[in-house]
Amino acid sequence: MKAKLNSILLIDDDEGTNFINKRVIQKADIAEEVVTTYNGSEALDYLCNQGQFENPGKPFPQPMLILLDINMPIMDGWEFLDAYHKLHESKKSKIIIVMLTTSFNPDDSKRAGQYTDISGFKNKPLTIDTLNDIIQTHFPELLD
């Protein structure tokens, strides 16, 4: 890999899942930074406030990739997508959003396909192969 993604944002309420996802990403060595939020509301705060809650005074590394869970308390993945869609373009830039879920419900996959902001729908757990597939599909310029 020639370069790395500047940042990946994980949005999932399960600490264990976030730990595993972060380890997979670190093992793949594809991102400079991995940021974790536990629901859609926290993720919107992070995007809208340029990460200042987590990294005061540090320049905001706008994520290039978001891995989004569906079922979360406070604000679920669908509610996040509805709010995200309304954000100013400067907050969204060219972020790739991949829904990463345990749902095997075909209605969820179909619903995800109706959101223009979603670039992919993958099942958990995140693996190196799944991550490589996301990179090959959405960031081919990063590959050797």
N, C-alpha and C. Protein backbone atom coordinates (compact mmCIF):
# COMPACT_ATOMS: atom_id res chain seq x y z
N MET A 1 0.83 -1.17 0.00
CA MET A 1 0.00 0.00 0.00
C MET A 1 0.88 1.25 0.00
N LYS A 2 0.62 2.17 -0.91
CA LYS A 2 1.42 3.38 -1.05
C LYS A 2 1.16 4.37 0.07
N ALA A 3 -0.09 4.59 0.40
CA ALA A 3 -0.47 5.59 1.38
C ALA A 3 -1.52 4.99 2.30
N LYS A 4 -1.93 5.79 3.28
CA LYS A 4 -2.95 5.34 4.22
C LYS A 4 -4.11 6.32 4.20
N LEU A 5 -5.25 5.84 4.65
CA LEU A 5 -6.37 6.74 4.89
C LEU A 5 -6.00 7.62 6.07
N ASN A 6 -6.40 8.88 6.02
CA ASN A 6 -6.04 9.75 7.13
C ASN A 6 -6.77 9.36 8.41
N SER A 7 -8.04 8.92 8.27
CA SER A 7 -8.82 8.59 9.45
C SER A 7 -9.99 7.70 9.07
N ILE A 8 -10.33 6.77 9.98
CA ILE A 8 -11.53 5.95 9.85
C ILE A 8 -12.35 6.19 11.10
N LEU A 9 -13.65 6.42 10.91
CA LEU A 9 -14.57 6.63 12.02
C LEU A 9 -15.42 5.39 12.20
N LEU A 10 -15.36 4.80 13.40
CA LEU A 10 -16.19 3.65 13.75
C LEU A 10 -17.40 4.16 14.52
N ILE A 11 -18.60 3.75 14.09
CA ILE A 11 -19.82 4.12 14.81
C ILE A 11 -20.52 2.82 15.19
N ASP A 12 -20.35 2.41 16.44
CA ASP A 12 -20.93 1.16 16.93
C ASP A 12 -21.02 1.24 18.44
N ASP A 13 -22.13 0.81 19.01
CA ASP A 13 -22.33 0.91 20.45
C ASP A 13 -21.65 -0.20 21.24
N ASP A 14 -21.14 -1.21 20.58
CA ASP A 14 -20.53 -2.35 21.27
C ASP A 14 -19.03 -2.16 21.41
N GLU A 15 -18.58 -2.06 22.66
CA GLU A 15 -17.14 -1.83 22.91
C GLU A 15 -16.28 -2.95 22.36
N GLY A 16 -16.73 -4.19 22.52
CA GLY A 16 -15.96 -5.32 22.02
C GLY A 16 -15.81 -5.29 20.51
N THR A 17 -16.89 -4.95 19.82
CA THR A 17 -16.85 -4.84 18.36
C THR A 17 -15.90 -3.73 17.94
N ASN A 18 -15.98 -2.60 18.62
CA ASN A 18 -15.07 -1.49 18.29
C ASN A 18 -13.61 -1.88 18.52
N PHE A 19 -13.36 -2.60 19.60
CA PHE A 19 -11.99 -3.05 19.90
C PHE A 19 -11.48 -3.96 18.77
N ILE A 20 -12.32 -4.93 18.38
CA ILE A 20 -11.91 -5.86 17.31
C ILE A 20 -11.73 -5.11 15.99
N ASN A 21 -12.68 -4.24 15.65
CA ASN A 21 -12.57 -3.49 14.40
C ASN A 21 -11.31 -2.64 14.36
N LYS A 22 -11.03 -2.00 15.48
CA LYS A 22 -9.82 -1.16 15.55
C LYS A 22 -8.56 -2.01 15.37
N ARG A 23 -8.54 -3.18 15.98
CA ARG A 23 -7.37 -4.07 15.86
C ARG A 23 -7.20 -4.56 14.41
N VAL A 24 -8.30 -4.90 13.75
CA VAL A 24 -8.24 -5.34 12.35
C VAL A 24 -7.68 -4.21 11.49
N ILE A 25 -8.16 -3.00 11.71
CA ILE A 25 -7.69 -1.84 10.94
C ILE A 25 -6.22 -1.58 11.21
N GLN A 26 -5.82 -1.65 12.48
CA GLN A 26 -4.41 -1.43 12.83
C GLN A 26 -3.53 -2.52 12.23
N LYS A 27 -3.98 -3.76 12.26
CA LYS A 27 -3.21 -4.86 11.68
C LYS A 27 -3.03 -4.67 10.18
N ALA A 28 -4.10 -4.18 9.52
CA ALA A 28 -4.03 -3.95 8.07
C ALA A 28 -3.17 -2.73 7.75
N ASP A 29 -2.94 -1.88 8.76
CA ASP A 29 -2.09 -0.69 8.61
C ASP A 29 -2.55 0.19 7.45
N ILE A 30 -3.86 0.51 7.45
CA ILE A 30 -4.41 1.29 6.34
C ILE A 30 -4.85 2.70 6.75
N ALA A 31 -4.74 3.03 8.04
CA ALA A 31 -5.21 4.34 8.49
C ALA A 31 -4.24 4.97 9.47
N GLU A 32 -4.11 6.27 9.35
CA GLU A 32 -3.28 7.02 10.30
C GLU A 32 -3.94 7.07 11.67
N GLU A 33 -5.28 7.13 11.67
CA GLU A 33 -6.02 7.27 12.93
C GLU A 33 -7.34 6.53 12.83
N VAL A 34 -7.78 5.94 13.94
CA VAL A 34 -9.09 5.31 14.04
C VAL A 34 -9.81 5.97 15.21
N VAL A 35 -10.97 6.55 14.93
CA VAL A 35 -11.77 7.24 15.94
C VAL A 35 -13.02 6.41 16.19
N THR A 36 -13.39 6.27 17.46
CA THR A 36 -14.54 5.47 17.85
C THR A 36 -15.62 6.35 18.46
N THR A 37 -16.86 6.17 17.97
CA THR A 37 -18.02 6.77 18.60
C THR A 37 -19.02 5.65 18.84
N TYR A 38 -19.92 5.87 19.82
CA TYR A 38 -20.78 4.78 20.27
C TYR A 38 -22.24 4.90 19.83
N ASN A 39 -22.56 5.94 19.07
CA ASN A 39 -23.89 6.08 18.48
C ASN A 39 -23.84 7.19 17.44
N GLY A 40 -24.92 7.31 16.68
CA GLY A 40 -24.96 8.30 15.62
C GLY A 40 -24.83 9.72 16.11
N SER A 41 -25.39 10.01 17.28
CA SER A 41 -25.32 11.36 17.83
C SER A 41 -23.88 11.76 18.13
N GLU A 42 -23.12 10.86 18.76
CA GLU A 42 -21.70 11.14 19.03
C GLU A 42 -20.93 11.34 17.73
N ALA A 43 -21.26 10.54 16.72
CA ALA A 43 -20.57 10.66 15.44
C ALA A 43 -20.86 12.00 14.78
N LEU A 44 -22.11 12.44 14.82
CA LEU A 44 -22.45 13.76 14.27
C LEU A 44 -21.74 14.87 15.02
N ASP A 45 -21.69 14.76 16.36
CA ASP A 45 -20.95 15.75 17.15
C ASP A 45 -19.50 15.79 16.71
N TYR A 46 -18.92 14.62 16.51
CA TYR A 46 -17.52 14.55 16.08
C TYR A 46 -17.34 15.23 14.72
N LEU A 47 -18.20 14.91 13.77
CA LEU A 47 -18.08 15.48 12.43
C LEU A 47 -18.35 16.98 12.42
N CYS A 48 -19.34 17.41 13.18
CA CYS A 48 -19.74 18.83 13.16
C CYS A 48 -18.83 19.72 13.98
N ASN A 49 -18.23 19.16 15.01
CA ASN A 49 -17.37 19.95 15.88
C ASN A 49 -15.90 19.67 15.62
N GLN A 50 -15.64 19.08 14.49
CA GLN A 50 -14.29 18.83 14.02
C GLN A 50 -13.43 18.08 15.02
N GLY A 51 -14.06 17.16 15.73
CA GLY A 51 -13.30 16.29 16.62
C GLY A 51 -12.72 16.97 17.84
N GLN A 52 -13.16 18.18 18.14
CA GLN A 52 -12.56 18.94 19.23
C GLN A 52 -12.83 18.35 20.61
N PHE A 53 -13.88 17.51 20.74
CA PHE A 53 -14.14 16.89 22.02
C PHE A 53 -13.05 15.87 22.35
N GLU A 54 -12.65 15.14 21.34
CA GLU A 54 -11.68 14.06 21.53
C GLU A 54 -10.25 14.57 21.45
N ASN A 55 -10.01 15.55 20.60
CA ASN A 55 -8.64 16.04 20.35
C ASN A 55 -8.60 17.56 20.41
N PRO A 56 -8.79 18.16 21.59
CA PRO A 56 -8.79 19.62 21.66
C PRO A 56 -7.49 20.22 21.12
N GLY A 57 -7.63 21.20 20.25
CA GLY A 57 -6.46 21.89 19.72
C GLY A 57 -5.75 21.17 18.60
N LYS A 58 -6.11 19.93 18.35
CA LYS A 58 -5.46 19.15 17.29
C LYS A 58 -6.25 19.32 15.99
N PRO A 59 -5.59 19.47 14.87
CA PRO A 59 -6.32 19.60 13.60
C PRO A 59 -7.22 18.39 13.37
N PHE A 60 -8.39 18.66 12.85
CA PHE A 60 -9.40 17.63 12.63
C PHE A 60 -9.05 16.75 11.45
N PRO A 61 -8.86 15.47 11.68
CA PRO A 61 -8.66 14.57 10.54
C PRO A 61 -10.01 14.06 10.07
N GLN A 62 -10.60 14.76 9.10
CA GLN A 62 -11.90 14.32 8.61
C GLN A 62 -11.77 12.89 8.09
N PRO A 63 -12.65 12.00 8.57
CA PRO A 63 -12.53 10.61 8.15
C PRO A 63 -12.75 10.45 6.65
N MET A 64 -12.02 9.52 6.09
CA MET A 64 -12.22 9.15 4.69
C MET A 64 -13.19 7.98 4.59
N LEU A 65 -13.33 7.24 5.69
CA LEU A 65 -14.19 6.06 5.74
C LEU A 65 -14.93 6.03 7.06
N ILE A 66 -16.24 5.75 7.00
CA ILE A 66 -17.05 5.52 8.19
C ILE A 66 -17.60 4.11 8.11
N LEU A 67 -17.41 3.35 9.19
CA LEU A 67 -18.03 2.03 9.32
C LEU A 67 -19.17 2.19 10.31
N LEU A 68 -20.39 1.99 9.84
CA LEU A 68 -21.61 2.34 10.57
C LEU A 68 -22.44 1.11 10.92
N ASP A 69 -22.76 0.98 12.20
CA ASP A 69 -23.67 -0.06 12.67
C ASP A 69 -25.11 0.43 12.48
N ILE A 70 -26.07 -0.49 12.46
CA ILE A 70 -27.48 -0.11 12.34
C ILE A 70 -28.11 0.10 13.72
N ASN A 71 -28.07 -0.93 14.54
CA ASN A 71 -28.81 -0.92 15.81
C ASN A 71 -27.95 -0.38 16.95
N MET A 72 -28.29 0.85 17.36
CA MET A 72 -27.58 1.51 18.46
C MET A 72 -28.59 2.32 19.26
N PRO A 73 -28.32 2.54 20.55
CA PRO A 73 -29.20 3.41 21.33
C PRO A 73 -28.96 4.88 20.98
N ILE A 74 -29.80 5.73 21.44
CA ILE A 74 -29.75 7.19 21.28
C ILE A 74 -30.03 7.60 19.84
N MET A 75 -29.16 7.21 18.91
CA MET A 75 -29.38 7.48 17.49
C MET A 75 -28.82 6.30 16.70
N ASP A 76 -29.72 5.57 16.03
CA ASP A 76 -29.28 4.39 15.30
C ASP A 76 -28.68 4.78 13.94
N GLY A 77 -28.26 3.79 13.20
CA GLY A 77 -27.60 4.04 11.93
C GLY A 77 -28.48 4.76 10.92
N TRP A 78 -29.78 4.40 10.89
CA TRP A 78 -30.70 5.05 9.94
C TRP A 78 -30.89 6.51 10.30
N GLU A 79 -31.06 6.79 11.59
CA GLU A 79 -31.23 8.17 12.04
C GLU A 79 -29.96 8.98 11.76
N PHE A 80 -28.81 8.35 11.97
CA PHE A 80 -27.55 9.02 11.64
C PHE A 80 -27.51 9.41 10.16
N LEU A 81 -27.88 8.47 9.31
CA LEU A 81 -27.85 8.74 7.86
C LEU A 81 -28.80 9.87 7.47
N ASP A 82 -29.97 9.91 8.09
CA ASP A 82 -30.91 10.99 7.80
C ASP A 82 -30.31 12.35 8.20
N ALA A 83 -29.68 12.41 9.37
CA ALA A 83 -29.07 13.66 9.84
C ALA A 83 -27.81 13.99 9.02
N TYR A 84 -27.02 12.98 8.72
CA TYR A 84 -25.79 13.17 7.94
C TYR A 84 -26.11 13.75 6.57
N HIS A 85 -27.18 13.27 5.96
CA HIS A 85 -27.57 13.73 4.63
C HIS A 85 -27.83 15.25 4.61
N LYS A 86 -28.26 15.78 5.74
CA LYS A 86 -28.59 17.21 5.85
C LYS A 86 -27.37 18.09 6.17
N LEU A 87 -26.24 17.48 6.49
CA LEU A 87 -25.04 18.25 6.82
C LEU A 87 -24.55 19.04 5.61
N HIS A 88 -23.87 20.14 5.90
CA HIS A 88 -23.23 20.93 4.85
C HIS A 88 -22.16 20.06 4.19
N GLU A 89 -21.98 20.25 2.91
CA GLU A 89 -21.00 19.44 2.16
C GLU A 89 -19.60 19.50 2.76
N SER A 90 -19.24 20.61 3.38
CA SER A 90 -17.90 20.72 3.97
C SER A 90 -17.69 19.74 5.11
N LYS A 91 -18.77 19.32 5.75
CA LYS A 91 -18.68 18.34 6.85
C LYS A 91 -18.66 16.91 6.32
N LYS A 92 -19.17 16.72 5.09
CA LYS A 92 -19.25 15.38 4.51
C LYS A 92 -18.10 15.09 3.57
N SER A 93 -17.66 16.10 2.85
CA SER A 93 -16.59 15.97 1.88
C SER A 93 -16.85 14.75 1.00
N LYS A 94 -15.87 13.88 0.88
CA LYS A 94 -16.01 12.67 0.06
C LYS A 94 -15.90 11.43 0.94
N ILE A 95 -16.56 11.46 2.08
CA ILE A 95 -16.51 10.35 3.02
C ILE A 95 -17.26 9.15 2.45
N ILE A 96 -16.63 8.00 2.52
CA ILE A 96 -17.26 6.73 2.14
C ILE A 96 -17.89 6.13 3.39
N ILE A 97 -19.18 5.81 3.32
CA ILE A 97 -19.87 5.18 4.44
C ILE A 97 -20.21 3.74 4.05
N VAL A 98 -19.73 2.81 4.88
CA VAL A 98 -20.06 1.40 4.69
C VAL A 98 -20.81 0.95 5.93
N MET A 99 -22.01 0.42 5.72
CA MET A 99 -22.79 -0.10 6.82
C MET A 99 -22.21 -1.46 7.17
N LEU A 100 -21.85 -1.63 8.43
CA LEU A 100 -21.25 -2.86 8.93
C LEU A 100 -22.17 -3.39 10.02
N THR A 101 -22.84 -4.49 9.77
CA THR A 101 -23.92 -4.92 10.66
C THR A 101 -23.98 -6.43 10.83
N THR A 102 -24.69 -6.85 11.86
CA THR A 102 -24.97 -8.27 12.05
C THR A 102 -26.29 -8.66 11.40
N SER A 103 -26.99 -7.68 10.83
CA SER A 103 -28.30 -7.93 10.25
C SER A 103 -28.18 -8.73 8.95
N PHE A 104 -28.93 -9.81 8.90
CA PHE A 104 -29.04 -10.59 7.66
C PHE A 104 -30.41 -10.37 7.02
N ASN A 105 -31.13 -9.36 7.55
CA ASN A 105 -32.46 -9.04 7.05
C ASN A 105 -32.32 -8.39 5.67
N PRO A 106 -32.89 -9.00 4.64
CA PRO A 106 -32.77 -8.42 3.30
C PRO A 106 -33.40 -7.04 3.20
N ASP A 107 -34.36 -6.73 4.09
CA ASP A 107 -34.97 -5.40 4.09
C ASP A 107 -33.95 -4.33 4.47
N ASP A 108 -33.02 -4.67 5.38
CA ASP A 108 -31.99 -3.71 5.77
C ASP A 108 -31.06 -3.42 4.59
N SER A 109 -30.67 -4.46 3.88
CA SER A 109 -29.81 -4.27 2.71
C SER A 109 -30.52 -3.44 1.64
N LYS A 110 -31.79 -3.74 1.43
CA LYS A 110 -32.58 -2.99 0.45
C LYS A 110 -32.72 -1.53 0.88
N ARG A 111 -33.01 -1.32 2.15
CA ARG A 111 -33.14 0.05 2.68
C ARG A 111 -31.84 0.82 2.53
N ALA A 112 -30.73 0.15 2.83
CA ALA A 112 -29.41 0.79 2.70
C ALA A 112 -29.17 1.25 1.27
N GLY A 113 -29.65 0.46 0.31
CA GLY A 113 -29.48 0.80 -1.09
C GLY A 113 -30.23 2.05 -1.51
N GLN A 114 -31.17 2.48 -0.70
CA GLN A 114 -31.95 3.68 -0.99
C GLN A 114 -31.26 4.95 -0.52
N TYR A 115 -30.20 4.82 0.26
CA TYR A 115 -29.45 5.98 0.77
C TYR A 115 -28.28 6.26 -0.16
N THR A 116 -28.26 7.44 -0.73
CA THR A 116 -27.16 7.79 -1.64
C THR A 116 -25.83 7.94 -0.91
N ASP A 117 -25.89 8.17 0.41
CA ASP A 117 -24.66 8.34 1.18
C ASP A 117 -23.98 7.02 1.53
N ILE A 118 -24.68 5.91 1.37
CA ILE A 118 -24.10 4.60 1.70
C ILE A 118 -23.41 4.03 0.46
N SER A 119 -22.15 3.66 0.64
CA SER A 119 -21.36 3.10 -0.46
C SER A 119 -21.22 1.59 -0.40
N GLY A 120 -21.63 0.99 0.73
CA GLY A 120 -21.51 -0.45 0.85
C GLY A 120 -22.27 -0.99 2.04
N PHE A 121 -22.53 -2.27 2.02
CA PHE A 121 -23.27 -2.96 3.08
C PHE A 121 -22.53 -4.27 3.33
N LYS A 122 -21.92 -4.39 4.49
CA LYS A 122 -21.12 -5.58 4.83
C LYS A 122 -21.61 -6.17 6.15
N ASN A 123 -21.42 -7.46 6.29
CA ASN A 123 -21.78 -8.13 7.53
C ASN A 123 -20.57 -8.22 8.46
N LYS A 124 -20.87 -8.11 9.76
CA LYS A 124 -19.85 -8.30 10.80
C LYS A 124 -19.56 -9.79 10.89
N PRO A 125 -18.42 -10.13 11.39
CA PRO A 125 -17.37 -9.27 11.92
C PRO A 125 -16.50 -8.70 10.80
N LEU A 126 -15.87 -7.58 11.09
CA LEU A 126 -14.92 -7.01 10.15
C LEU A 126 -13.69 -7.92 10.11
N THR A 127 -13.30 -8.27 8.92
CA THR A 127 -12.11 -9.10 8.74
C THR A 127 -11.14 -8.37 7.83
N ILE A 128 -9.92 -8.86 7.76
CA ILE A 128 -8.94 -8.30 6.84
C ILE A 128 -9.46 -8.39 5.41
N ASP A 129 -10.08 -9.50 5.05
CA ASP A 129 -10.62 -9.66 3.70
C ASP A 129 -11.71 -8.63 3.41
N THR A 130 -12.61 -8.43 4.36
CA THR A 130 -13.67 -7.43 4.17
C THR A 130 -13.07 -6.04 4.04
N LEU A 131 -12.10 -5.74 4.88
CA LEU A 131 -11.43 -4.44 4.83
C LEU A 131 -10.71 -4.25 3.50
N ASN A 132 -10.02 -5.28 3.05
CA ASN A 132 -9.33 -5.20 1.75
C ASN A 132 -10.32 -4.99 0.61
N ASP A 133 -11.48 -5.64 0.71
CA ASP A 133 -12.51 -5.45 -0.31
C ASP A 133 -13.00 -4.00 -0.33
N ILE A 134 -13.20 -3.42 0.84
CA ILE A 134 -13.62 -2.02 0.93
C ILE A 134 -12.55 -1.11 0.31
N ILE A 135 -11.30 -1.36 0.64
CA ILE A 135 -10.20 -0.55 0.10
C ILE A 135 -10.10 -0.70 -1.41
N GLN A 136 -10.15 -1.92 -1.90
CA GLN A 136 -10.07 -2.14 -3.35
C GLN A 136 -11.21 -1.48 -4.10
N THR A 137 -12.40 -1.50 -3.51
CA THR A 137 -13.58 -0.92 -4.16
C THR A 137 -13.58 0.60 -4.12
N HIS A 138 -13.24 1.17 -2.97
CA HIS A 138 -13.43 2.61 -2.77
C HIS A 138 -12.14 3.44 -2.75
N PHE A 139 -11.01 2.79 -2.53
CA PHE A 139 -9.74 3.52 -2.45
C PHE A 139 -8.64 2.79 -3.24
N PRO A 140 -8.88 2.45 -4.48
CA PRO A 140 -7.89 1.67 -5.24
C PRO A 140 -6.56 2.41 -5.41
N GLU A 141 -6.60 3.72 -5.32
CA GLU A 141 -5.37 4.50 -5.47
C GLU A 141 -4.39 4.26 -4.32
N LEU A 142 -4.86 3.66 -3.23
CA LEU A 142 -3.99 3.39 -2.09
C LEU A 142 -3.23 2.07 -2.25
N LEU A 143 -3.62 1.29 -3.23
CA LEU A 143 -2.99 -0.02 -3.41
C LEU A 143 -1.74 0.10 -4.29
N ASP A 144 -0.80 -0.77 -4.06
CA ASP A 144 0.43 -0.79 -4.87
C ASP A 144 0.13 -1.14 -6.32
